[in-house]
All heavy atoms as atom14 arrays in JSON, in Angstrom:
{
  "sequence": "LGHEEVAAQAVLEELTSVAGAVLPYMDRVWKILDEARRGGSRILFEG",
  "atom14_mask": [
    [1, 1, 1, 1, 1, 1, 1, 1, 0, 0, 0, 0, 0, 0],
    [1, 1, 1, 1, 0, 0, 0, 0, 0, 0, 0, 0, 0, 0],
    [1, 1, 1, 1, 1, 1, 1, 1, 1, 1, 0, 0, 0, 0],
    [1, 1, 1, 1, 1, 1, 1, 1, 1, 0, 0, 0, 0, 0],
    [1, 1, 1, 1, 1, 1, 1, 1, 1, 0, 0, 0, 0, 0],
    [1, 1, 1, 1, 1, 1, 1, 0, 0, 0, 0, 0, 0, 0],
    [1, 1, 1, 1, 1, 0, 0, 0, 0, 0, 0, 0, 0, 0],
    [1, 1, 1, 1, 1, 0, 0, 0, 0, 0, 0, 0, 0, 0],
    [1, 1, 1, 1, 1, 1, 1, 1, 1, 0, 0, 0, 0, 0],
    [1, 1, 1, 1, 1, 0, 0, 0, 0, 0, 0, 0, 0, 0],
    [1, 1, 1, 1, 1, 1, 1, 0, 0, 0, 0, 0, 0, 0],
    [1, 1, 1, 1, 1, 1, 1, 1, 0, 0, 0, 0, 0, 0],
    [1, 1, 1, 1, 1, 1, 1, 1, 1, 0, 0, 0, 0, 0],
    [1, 1, 1, 1, 1, 1, 1, 1, 1, 0, 0, 0, 0, 0],
    [1, 1, 1, 1, 1, 1, 1, 1, 0, 0, 0, 0, 0, 0],
    [1, 1, 1, 1, 1, 1, 1, 0, 0, 0, 0, 0, 0, 0],
    [1, 1, 1, 1, 1, 1, 0, 0, 0, 0, 0, 0, 0, 0],
    [1, 1, 1, 1, 1, 1, 1, 0, 0, 0, 0, 0, 0, 0],
    [1, 1, 1, 1, 1, 0, 0, 0, 0, 0, 0, 0, 0, 0],
    [1, 1, 1, 1, 0, 0, 0, 0, 0, 0, 0, 0, 0, 0],
    [1, 1, 1, 1, 1, 0, 0, 0, 0, 0, 0, 0, 0, 0],
    [1, 1, 1, 1, 1, 1, 1, 0, 0, 0, 0, 0, 0, 0],
    [1, 1, 1, 1, 1, 1, 1, 1, 0, 0, 0, 0, 0, 0],
    [1, 1, 1, 1, 1, 1, 1, 0, 0, 0, 0, 0, 0, 0],
    [1, 1, 1, 1, 1, 1, 1, 1, 1, 1, 1, 1, 0, 0],
    [1, 1, 1, 1, 1, 1, 1, 1, 0, 0, 0, 0, 0, 0],
    [1, 1, 1, 1, 1, 1, 1, 1, 0, 0, 0, 0, 0, 0],
    [1, 1, 1, 1, 1, 1, 1, 1, 1, 1, 1, 0, 0, 0],
    [1, 1, 1, 1, 1, 1, 1, 0, 0, 0, 0, 0, 0, 0],
    [1, 1, 1, 1, 1, 1, 1, 1, 1, 1, 1, 1, 1, 1],
    [1, 1, 1, 1, 1, 1, 1, 1, 1, 0, 0, 0, 0, 0],
    [1, 1, 1, 1, 1, 1, 1, 1, 0, 0, 0, 0, 0, 0],
    [1, 1, 1, 1, 1, 1, 1, 1, 0, 0, 0, 0, 0, 0],
    [1, 1, 1, 1, 1, 1, 1, 1, 0, 0, 0, 0, 0, 0],
    [1, 1, 1, 1, 1, 1, 1, 1, 1, 0, 0, 0, 0, 0],
    [1, 1, 1, 1, 1, 0, 0, 0, 0, 0, 0, 0, 0, 0],
    [1, 1, 1, 1, 1, 1, 1, 1, 1, 1, 1, 0, 0, 0],
    [1, 1, 1, 1, 1, 1, 1, 1, 1, 1, 1, 0, 0, 0],
    [1, 1, 1, 1, 0, 0, 0, 0, 0, 0, 0, 0, 0, 0],
    [1, 1, 1, 1, 0, 0, 0, 0, 0, 0, 0, 0, 0, 0],
    [1, 1, 1, 1, 1, 1, 0, 0, 0, 0, 0, 0, 0, 0],
    [1, 1, 1, 1, 1, 1, 1, 1, 1, 1, 1, 0, 0, 0],
    [1, 1, 1, 1, 1, 1, 1, 1, 0, 0, 0, 0, 0, 0],
    [1, 1, 1, 1, 1, 1, 1, 1, 0, 0, 0, 0, 0, 0],
    [1, 1, 1, 1, 1, 1, 1, 1, 1, 1, 1, 0, 0, 0],
    [1, 1, 1, 1, 1, 1, 1, 1, 1, 0, 0, 0, 0, 0],
    [1, 1, 1, 1, 0, 0, 0, 0, 0, 0, 0, 0, 0, 0]
  ],
  "atom14_positions": [
    [[25.87, -14.17, 0.86], [26.34, -13.38, 2.0], [26.49, -14.26, 3.26], [26.83, -13.74, 4.34], [25.37, -12.23, 2.28], [25.34, -11.12, 1.22], [24.14, -10.21, 1.41], [26.64, -10.3, 1.27], [0.0, 0.0, 0.0], [0.0, 0.0, 0.0], [0.0, 0.0, 0.0], [0.0, 0.0, 0.0], [0.0, 0.0, 0.0], [0.0, 0.0, 0.0]],
    [[26.23, -15.56, 3.11], [26.43, -16.48, 4.22], [25.31, -16.52, 5.24], [25.53, -16.79, 6.42], [0.0, 0.0, 0.0], [0.0, 0.0, 0.0], [0.0, 0.0, 0.0], [0.0, 0.0, 0.0], [0.0, 0.0, 0.0], [0.0, 0.0, 0.0], [0.0, 0.0, 0.0], [0.0, 0.0, 0.0], [0.0, 0.0, 0.0], [0.0, 0.0, 0.0]],
    [[24.05, -16.24, 4.77], [22.91, -16.24, 5.67], [21.88, -17.29, 5.27], [21.8, -17.69, 4.1], [22.25, -14.85, 5.7], [23.13, -13.8, 6.29], [23.3, -13.6, 7.65], [23.95, -12.88, 5.68], [24.14, -12.6, 7.85], [24.56, -12.15, 6.7], [0.0, 0.0, 0.0], [0.0, 0.0, 0.0], [0.0, 0.0, 0.0], [0.0, 0.0, 0.0]],
    [[21.11, -17.71, 6.23], [20.1, -18.75, 6.01], [19.03, -18.29, 5.04], [18.63, -17.12, 5.02], [19.48, -19.12, 7.37], [18.56, -20.32, 7.34], [18.03, -20.68, 8.72], [18.63, -20.21, 9.74], [17.02, -21.39, 8.8], [0.0, 0.0, 0.0], [0.0, 0.0, 0.0], [0.0, 0.0, 0.0], [0.0, 0.0, 0.0], [0.0, 0.0, 0.0]],
    [[18.55, -19.22, 4.21], [17.47, -18.91, 3.29], [16.15, -18.72, 4.02], [15.98, -19.14, 5.16], [17.34, -20.01, 2.24], [18.55, -20.12, 1.31], [18.33, -21.11, 0.18], [17.15, -21.38, -0.17], [19.33, -21.59, -0.38], [0.0, 0.0, 0.0], [0.0, 0.0, 0.0], [0.0, 0.0, 0.0], [0.0, 0.0, 0.0], [0.0, 0.0, 0.0]],
    [[15.21, -18.06, 3.31], [13.87, -17.8, 3.87], [12.87, -18.71, 3.18], [12.9, -18.87, 1.96], [13.48, -16.33, 3.65], [12.04, -16.1, 4.14], [14.42, -15.41, 4.41], [0.0, 0.0, 0.0], [0.0, 0.0, 0.0], [0.0, 0.0, 0.0], [0.0, 0.0, 0.0], [0.0, 0.0, 0.0], [0.0, 0.0, 0.0], [0.0, 0.0, 0.0]],
    [[11.97, -19.31, 3.95], [10.95, -20.16, 3.38], [9.78, -19.34, 2.87], [9.4, -18.32, 3.48], [10.45, -21.15, 4.46], [0.0, 0.0, 0.0], [0.0, 0.0, 0.0], [0.0, 0.0, 0.0], [0.0, 0.0, 0.0], [0.0, 0.0, 0.0], [0.0, 0.0, 0.0], [0.0, 0.0, 0.0], [0.0, 0.0, 0.0], [0.0, 0.0, 0.0]],
    [[9.22, -19.78, 1.76], [8.09, -19.05, 1.16], [6.92, -18.95, 2.13], [6.24, -17.92, 2.19], [7.67, -19.76, -0.12], [0.0, 0.0, 0.0], [0.0, 0.0, 0.0], [0.0, 0.0, 0.0], [0.0, 0.0, 0.0], [0.0, 0.0, 0.0], [0.0, 0.0, 0.0], [0.0, 0.0, 0.0], [0.0, 0.0, 0.0], [0.0, 0.0, 0.0]],
    [[6.7, -20.01, 2.89], [5.56, -20.01, 3.81], [5.7, -18.91, 4.86], [4.71, -18.28, 5.25], [5.44, -21.37, 4.52], [4.19, -21.53, 5.37], [2.91, -21.37, 4.57], [2.83, -21.76, 3.4], [1.89, -20.76, 5.18], [0.0, 0.0, 0.0], [0.0, 0.0, 0.0], [0.0, 0.0, 0.0], [0.0, 0.0, 0.0], [0.0, 0.0, 0.0]],
    [[6.94, -18.64, 5.29], [7.16, -17.59, 6.29], [6.77, -16.22, 5.73], [6.17, -15.4, 6.43], [8.62, -17.59, 6.72], [0.0, 0.0, 0.0], [0.0, 0.0, 0.0], [0.0, 0.0, 0.0], [0.0, 0.0, 0.0], [0.0, 0.0, 0.0], [0.0, 0.0, 0.0], [0.0, 0.0, 0.0], [0.0, 0.0, 0.0], [0.0, 0.0, 0.0]],
    [[7.11, -15.98, 4.47], [6.76, -14.7, 3.84], [5.26, -14.6, 3.64], [4.65, -13.54, 3.87], [7.52, -14.52, 2.51], [7.09, -13.23, 1.81], [9.03, -14.53, 2.72], [0.0, 0.0, 0.0], [0.0, 0.0, 0.0], [0.0, 0.0, 0.0], [0.0, 0.0, 0.0], [0.0, 0.0, 0.0], [0.0, 0.0, 0.0], [0.0, 0.0, 0.0]],
    [[4.64, -15.7, 3.22], [3.19, -15.69, 3.03], [2.47, -15.38, 4.34], [1.49, -14.61, 4.37], [2.72, -17.02, 2.47], [3.0, -17.27, 0.98], [2.8, -18.73, 0.61], [2.11, -16.35, 0.12], [0.0, 0.0, 0.0], [0.0, 0.0, 0.0], [0.0, 0.0, 0.0], [0.0, 0.0, 0.0], [0.0, 0.0, 0.0], [0.0, 0.0, 0.0]],
    [[2.93, -15.98, 5.43], [2.31, -15.7, 6.73], [2.54, -14.25, 7.15], [1.65, -13.63, 7.74], [2.89, -16.67, 7.77], [2.4, -18.09, 7.6], [3.06, -19.08, 8.53], [3.89, -18.64, 9.35], [2.77, -20.29, 8.41], [0.0, 0.0, 0.0], [0.0, 0.0, 0.0], [0.0, 0.0, 0.0], [0.0, 0.0, 0.0], [0.0, 0.0, 0.0]],
    [[3.7, -13.73, 6.85], [4.0, -12.32, 7.15], [3.0, -11.41, 6.44], [2.55, -10.41, 7.01], [5.43, -12.01, 6.69], [5.86, -10.57, 6.89], [7.24, -10.29, 6.34], [8.01, -11.25, 6.11], [7.56, -9.11, 6.11], [0.0, 0.0, 0.0], [0.0, 0.0, 0.0], [0.0, 0.0, 0.0], [0.0, 0.0, 0.0], [0.0, 0.0, 0.0]],
    [[2.68, -11.74, 5.2], [1.78, -10.92, 4.39], [0.31, -11.11, 4.8], [-0.42, -10.13, 5.0], [1.95, -11.24, 2.92], [3.31, -10.83, 2.32], [3.49, -11.46, 0.94], [3.38, -9.32, 2.21], [0.0, 0.0, 0.0], [0.0, 0.0, 0.0], [0.0, 0.0, 0.0], [0.0, 0.0, 0.0], [0.0, 0.0, 0.0], [0.0, 0.0, 0.0]],
    [[-0.12, -12.35, 4.95], [-1.53, -12.6, 5.26], [-1.9, -12.13, 6.67], [-3.04, -11.76, 6.92], [-1.88, -14.08, 5.1], [-0.97, -14.87, 5.89], [-1.75, -14.51, 3.63], [0.0, 0.0, 0.0], [0.0, 0.0, 0.0], [0.0, 0.0, 0.0], [0.0, 0.0, 0.0], [0.0, 0.0, 0.0], [0.0, 0.0, 0.0], [0.0, 0.0, 0.0]],
    [[-0.92, -12.09, 7.57], [-1.19, -11.67, 8.93], [-1.57, -10.2, 9.02], [-2.21, -9.77, 9.99], [0.02, -11.95, 9.83], [1.11, -11.08, 9.5], [0.0, 0.0, 0.0], [0.0, 0.0, 0.0], [0.0, 0.0, 0.0], [0.0, 0.0, 0.0], [0.0, 0.0, 0.0], [0.0, 0.0, 0.0], [0.0, 0.0, 0.0], [0.0, 0.0, 0.0]],
    [[-1.15, -9.41, 8.03], [-1.38, -7.96, 8.1], [-2.35, -7.48, 7.03], [-2.78, -6.32, 7.06], [-0.02, -7.23, 7.97], [0.45, -7.19, 6.51], [-0.05, -5.86, 8.58], [0.0, 0.0, 0.0], [0.0, 0.0, 0.0], [0.0, 0.0, 0.0], [0.0, 0.0, 0.0], [0.0, 0.0, 0.0], [0.0, 0.0, 0.0], [0.0, 0.0, 0.0]],
    [[-2.71, -8.35, 6.09], [-3.57, -7.95, 4.98], [-4.87, -7.32, 5.43], [-5.31, -6.31, 4.89], [-3.83, -9.15, 4.06], [0.0, 0.0, 0.0], [0.0, 0.0, 0.0], [0.0, 0.0, 0.0], [0.0, 0.0, 0.0], [0.0, 0.0, 0.0], [0.0, 0.0, 0.0], [0.0, 0.0, 0.0], [0.0, 0.0, 0.0], [0.0, 0.0, 0.0]],
    [[-5.51, -7.91, 6.41], [-6.8, -7.42, 6.88], [-6.75, -6.01, 7.44], [-7.73, -5.27, 7.37], [0.0, 0.0, 0.0], [0.0, 0.0, 0.0], [0.0, 0.0, 0.0], [0.0, 0.0, 0.0], [0.0, 0.0, 0.0], [0.0, 0.0, 0.0], [0.0, 0.0, 0.0], [0.0, 0.0, 0.0], [0.0, 0.0, 0.0], [0.0, 0.0, 0.0]],
    [[-5.59, -5.62, 7.98], [-5.44, -4.28, 8.55], [-5.11, -3.23, 7.49], [-5.39, -2.04, 7.68], [-4.35, -4.29, 9.62], [0.0, 0.0, 0.0], [0.0, 0.0, 0.0], [0.0, 0.0, 0.0], [0.0, 0.0, 0.0], [0.0, 0.0, 0.0], [0.0, 0.0, 0.0], [0.0, 0.0, 0.0], [0.0, 0.0, 0.0], [0.0, 0.0, 0.0]],
    [[-4.56, -3.67, 6.35], [-4.12, -2.75, 5.32], [-5.16, -2.55, 4.21], [-5.41, -1.42, 3.77], [-2.8, -3.26, 4.69], [-2.41, -2.41, 3.45], [-1.67, -3.23, 5.71], [0.0, 0.0, 0.0], [0.0, 0.0, 0.0], [0.0, 0.0, 0.0], [0.0, 0.0, 0.0], [0.0, 0.0, 0.0], [0.0, 0.0, 0.0], [0.0, 0.0, 0.0]],
    [[-5.8, -3.62, 3.77], [-6.66, -3.58, 2.59], [-7.81, -2.57, 2.67], [-8.18, -1.99, 1.65], [-7.19, -4.96, 2.28], [-6.15, -5.92, 1.68], [-6.71, -7.33, 1.54], [-5.66, -5.43, 0.32], [0.0, 0.0, 0.0], [0.0, 0.0, 0.0], [0.0, 0.0, 0.0], [0.0, 0.0, 0.0], [0.0, 0.0, 0.0], [0.0, 0.0, 0.0]],
    [[-8.39, -2.3, 3.83], [-9.47, -1.3, 3.87], [-9.0, 0.09, 3.42], [-9.81, 0.93, 3.0], [-9.88, -1.27, 5.35], [-9.53, -2.63, 5.86], [-8.28, -2.99, 5.14], [0.0, 0.0, 0.0], [0.0, 0.0, 0.0], [0.0, 0.0, 0.0], [0.0, 0.0, 0.0], [0.0, 0.0, 0.0], [0.0, 0.0, 0.0], [0.0, 0.0, 0.0]],
    [[-7.69, 0.36, 3.49], [-7.15, 1.66, 3.1], [-6.76, 1.72, 1.63], [-6.46, 2.8, 1.11], [-5.93, 2.0, 3.96], [-6.22, 2.15, 5.44], [-6.19, 1.06, 6.3], [-6.54, 3.39, 5.98], [-6.46, 1.17, 7.64], [-6.8, 3.53, 7.34], [-6.76, 2.42, 8.16], [-7.05, 2.56, 9.5], [0.0, 0.0, 0.0], [0.0, 0.0, 0.0]],
    [[-6.71, 0.59, 0.94], [-6.25, 0.52, -0.44], [-7.24, 1.2, -1.38], [-8.44, 1.05, -1.26], [-6.07, -0.95, -0.86], [-5.55, -1.13, -2.27], [-5.34, -2.89, -2.7], [-7.09, -3.37, -2.97], [0.0, 0.0, 0.0], [0.0, 0.0, 0.0], [0.0, 0.0, 0.0], [0.0, 0.0, 0.0], [0.0, 0.0, 0.0], [0.0, 0.0, 0.0]],
    [[-6.69, 1.95, -2.39], [-7.58, 2.61, -3.33], [-6.79, 2.98, -4.6], [-5.56, 2.84, -4.65], [-8.19, 3.86, -2.71], [-9.65, 4.07, -3.16], [-9.93, 3.85, -4.37], [-10.48, 4.43, -2.31], [0.0, 0.0, 0.0], [0.0, 0.0, 0.0], [0.0, 0.0, 0.0], [0.0, 0.0, 0.0], [0.0, 0.0, 0.0], [0.0, 0.0, 0.0]],
    [[-7.55, 3.44, -5.62], [-6.92, 3.95, -6.85], [-6.59, 5.42, -6.61], [-7.41, 6.31, -6.88], [-7.88, 3.79, -8.02], [-8.04, 2.35, -8.5], [-9.18, 2.26, -9.49], [-10.47, 2.52, -8.84], [-11.63, 2.74, -9.47], [-11.65, 2.76, -10.8], [-12.74, 2.97, -8.77], [0.0, 0.0, 0.0], [0.0, 0.0, 0.0], [0.0, 0.0, 0.0]],
    [[-5.4, 5.67, -6.16], [-5.0, 7.02, -5.76], [-4.99, 7.98, -6.95], [-5.4, 9.14, -6.82], [-3.63, 6.96, -5.04], [-2.94, 8.31, -5.06], [-3.83, 6.47, -3.6], [0.0, 0.0, 0.0], [0.0, 0.0, 0.0], [0.0, 0.0, 0.0], [0.0, 0.0, 0.0], [0.0, 0.0, 0.0], [0.0, 0.0, 0.0], [0.0, 0.0, 0.0]],
    [[-4.53, 7.52, -8.1], [-4.48, 8.41, -9.26], [-5.87, 8.96, -9.59], [-6.0, 10.14, -9.96], [-3.92, 7.66, -10.5], [-4.78, 6.52, -10.98], [-4.68, 5.2, -10.61], [-5.9, 6.6, -11.89], [-5.68, 4.45, -11.23], [-6.42, 5.29, -12.03], [-6.49, 7.64, -12.6], [-7.5, 5.0, -12.84], [-7.59, 7.34, -13.41], [-8.06, 6.03, -13.53]],
    [[-6.9, 8.13, -9.41], [-8.29, 8.54, -9.73], [-8.79, 9.53, -8.67], [-9.45, 10.51, -9.0], [-9.19, 7.33, -9.8], [-10.58, 7.62, -10.35], [-11.35, 6.32, -10.58], [-12.66, 6.56, -11.33], [-13.55, 7.44, -10.67], [0.0, 0.0, 0.0], [0.0, 0.0, 0.0], [0.0, 0.0, 0.0], [0.0, 0.0, 0.0], [0.0, 0.0, 0.0]],
    [[-8.47, 9.24, -7.4], [-8.88, 10.14, -6.31], [-8.27, 11.52, -6.51], [-8.95, 12.54, -6.36], [-8.43, 9.54, -4.95], [-9.28, 8.32, -4.62], [-8.55, 10.58, -3.83], [-8.76, 7.54, -3.43], [0.0, 0.0, 0.0], [0.0, 0.0, 0.0], [0.0, 0.0, 0.0], [0.0, 0.0, 0.0], [0.0, 0.0, 0.0], [0.0, 0.0, 0.0]],
    [[-6.99, 11.58, -6.88], [-6.32, 12.87, -7.07], [-6.86, 13.58, -8.32], [-6.98, 14.81, -8.32], [-4.81, 12.66, -7.18], [-4.15, 12.15, -5.91], [-2.64, 11.99, -6.14], [-4.39, 13.08, -4.73], [0.0, 0.0, 0.0], [0.0, 0.0, 0.0], [0.0, 0.0, 0.0], [0.0, 0.0, 0.0], [0.0, 0.0, 0.0], [0.0, 0.0, 0.0]],
    [[-7.15, 12.83, -9.38], [-7.72, 13.43, -10.58], [-9.05, 14.09, -10.27], [-9.32, 15.22, -10.69], [-7.87, 12.38, -11.68], [-8.35, 12.98, -13.0], [-7.67, 13.89, -13.51], [-9.4, 12.53, -13.5], [0.0, 0.0, 0.0], [0.0, 0.0, 0.0], [0.0, 0.0, 0.0], [0.0, 0.0, 0.0], [0.0, 0.0, 0.0], [0.0, 0.0, 0.0]],
    [[-9.91, 13.38, -9.52], [-11.2, 13.92, -9.16], [-11.06, 15.12, -8.21], [-11.81, 16.09, -8.34], [-12.07, 12.82, -8.53], [-12.47, 11.74, -9.53], [-13.18, 10.56, -8.87], [-13.18, 10.48, -7.61], [-13.7, 9.68, -9.6], [0.0, 0.0, 0.0], [0.0, 0.0, 0.0], [0.0, 0.0, 0.0], [0.0, 0.0, 0.0], [0.0, 0.0, 0.0]],
    [[-10.1, 15.03, -7.31], [-9.87, 16.15, -6.39], [-9.42, 17.4, -7.14], [-9.88, 18.52, -6.9], [-8.83, 15.76, -5.33], [0.0, 0.0, 0.0], [0.0, 0.0, 0.0], [0.0, 0.0, 0.0], [0.0, 0.0, 0.0], [0.0, 0.0, 0.0], [0.0, 0.0, 0.0], [0.0, 0.0, 0.0], [0.0, 0.0, 0.0], [0.0, 0.0, 0.0]],
    [[-8.5, 17.19, -8.09], [-8.01, 18.34, -8.89], [-9.12, 18.95, -9.7], [-9.28, 20.18, -9.75], [-6.87, 17.86, -9.79], [-6.25, 18.94, -10.64], [-5.17, 18.37, -11.57], [-5.71, 17.43, -12.53], [-6.29, 17.79, -13.67], [-6.4, 19.07, -14.01], [-6.74, 16.86, -14.5], [0.0, 0.0, 0.0], [0.0, 0.0, 0.0], [0.0, 0.0, 0.0]],
    [[-9.9, 18.1, -10.39], [-11.0, 18.6, -11.2], [-12.07, 19.3, -10.36], [-12.74, 20.22, -10.83], [-11.62, 17.46, -12.0], [-10.71, 16.89, -13.09], [-11.34, 15.7, -13.78], [-10.43, 15.07, -14.72], [-10.22, 15.48, -15.97], [-10.89, 16.51, -16.44], [-9.37, 14.84, -16.75], [0.0, 0.0, 0.0], [0.0, 0.0, 0.0], [0.0, 0.0, 0.0]],
    [[-12.2, 18.85, -9.12], [-13.2, 19.46, -8.24], [-12.72, 20.7, -7.53], [-13.47, 21.28, -6.73], [0.0, 0.0, 0.0], [0.0, 0.0, 0.0], [0.0, 0.0, 0.0], [0.0, 0.0, 0.0], [0.0, 0.0, 0.0], [0.0, 0.0, 0.0], [0.0, 0.0, 0.0], [0.0, 0.0, 0.0], [0.0, 0.0, 0.0], [0.0, 0.0, 0.0]],
    [[-11.49, 21.14, -7.83], [-10.99, 22.36, -7.21], [-10.38, 22.21, -5.84], [-10.11, 23.21, -5.16], [0.0, 0.0, 0.0], [0.0, 0.0, 0.0], [0.0, 0.0, 0.0], [0.0, 0.0, 0.0], [0.0, 0.0, 0.0], [0.0, 0.0, 0.0], [0.0, 0.0, 0.0], [0.0, 0.0, 0.0], [0.0, 0.0, 0.0], [0.0, 0.0, 0.0]],
    [[-10.12, 20.98, -5.41], [-9.49, 20.76, -4.11], [-8.04, 21.21, -4.14], [-7.37, 21.11, -5.18], [-9.55, 19.28, -3.71], [-10.87, 18.86, -3.47], [0.0, 0.0, 0.0], [0.0, 0.0, 0.0], [0.0, 0.0, 0.0], [0.0, 0.0, 0.0], [0.0, 0.0, 0.0], [0.0, 0.0, 0.0], [0.0, 0.0, 0.0], [0.0, 0.0, 0.0]],
    [[-7.55, 21.67, -3.0], [-6.15, 22.07, -2.89], [-5.34, 20.86, -2.39], [-5.63, 20.31, -1.34], [-6.02, 23.25, -1.93], [-6.55, 24.55, -2.51], [-6.78, 25.57, -1.43], [-7.86, 25.17, -0.54], [-8.41, 25.96, 0.37], [-7.98, 27.2, 0.52], [-9.36, 25.5, 1.14], [0.0, 0.0, 0.0], [0.0, 0.0, 0.0], [0.0, 0.0, 0.0]],
    [[-4.33, 20.48, -3.17], [-3.57, 19.29, -2.9], [-2.14, 19.68, -2.49], [-1.5, 20.48, -3.17], [-3.53, 18.35, -4.12], [-4.95, 18.05, -4.61], [-2.81, 17.04, -3.76], [-4.99, 17.31, -5.95], [0.0, 0.0, 0.0], [0.0, 0.0, 0.0], [0.0, 0.0, 0.0], [0.0, 0.0, 0.0], [0.0, 0.0, 0.0], [0.0, 0.0, 0.0]],
    [[-1.69, 19.1, -1.39], [-0.34, 19.34, -0.89], [0.48, 18.06, -1.03], [0.09, 17.02, -0.49], [-0.4, 19.77, 0.58], [0.9, 20.13, 1.28], [1.58, 21.31, 0.61], [0.64, 20.42, 2.75], [0.0, 0.0, 0.0], [0.0, 0.0, 0.0], [0.0, 0.0, 0.0], [0.0, 0.0, 0.0], [0.0, 0.0, 0.0], [0.0, 0.0, 0.0]],
    [[1.57, 18.12, -1.76], [2.44, 16.98, -1.98], [3.64, 17.06, -1.06], [4.4, 18.04, -1.1], [2.88, 16.9, -3.45], [1.76, 16.69, -4.41], [1.07, 17.77, -4.95], [1.38, 15.42, -4.79], [0.03, 17.58, -5.84], [0.34, 15.21, -5.67], [-0.34, 16.31, -6.19], [0.0, 0.0, 0.0], [0.0, 0.0, 0.0], [0.0, 0.0, 0.0]],
    [[3.84, 16.03, -0.26], [4.87, 16.05, 0.77], [6.0, 15.08, 0.44], [5.79, 13.86, 0.38], [4.24, 15.66, 2.1], [5.23, 15.5, 3.24], [4.6, 14.93, 4.49], [3.53, 14.3, 4.4], [5.19, 15.14, 5.56], [0.0, 0.0, 0.0], [0.0, 0.0, 0.0], [0.0, 0.0, 0.0], [0.0, 0.0, 0.0], [0.0, 0.0, 0.0]],
    [[7.18, 15.65, 0.22], [8.34, 14.8, -0.02], [9.04, 14.41, 1.27], [8.84, 15.03, 2.31], [0.0, 0.0, 0.0], [0.0, 0.0, 0.0], [0.0, 0.0, 0.0], [0.0, 0.0, 0.0], [0.0, 0.0, 0.0], [0.0, 0.0, 0.0], [0.0, 0.0, 0.0], [0.0, 0.0, 0.0], [0.0, 0.0, 0.0], [0.0, 0.0, 0.0]]
  ]
}
């Protein structure tokens, strides 16, 4: 498309700079929802 290439280091820095802010929220969502369903929680799915 006629545009400059991206260096791998730039992408790595983009990712590592934000990892610390994101990772505390990471979880096994499928398991959380399975336990919520089995426990009788009401789940709302938002498209």
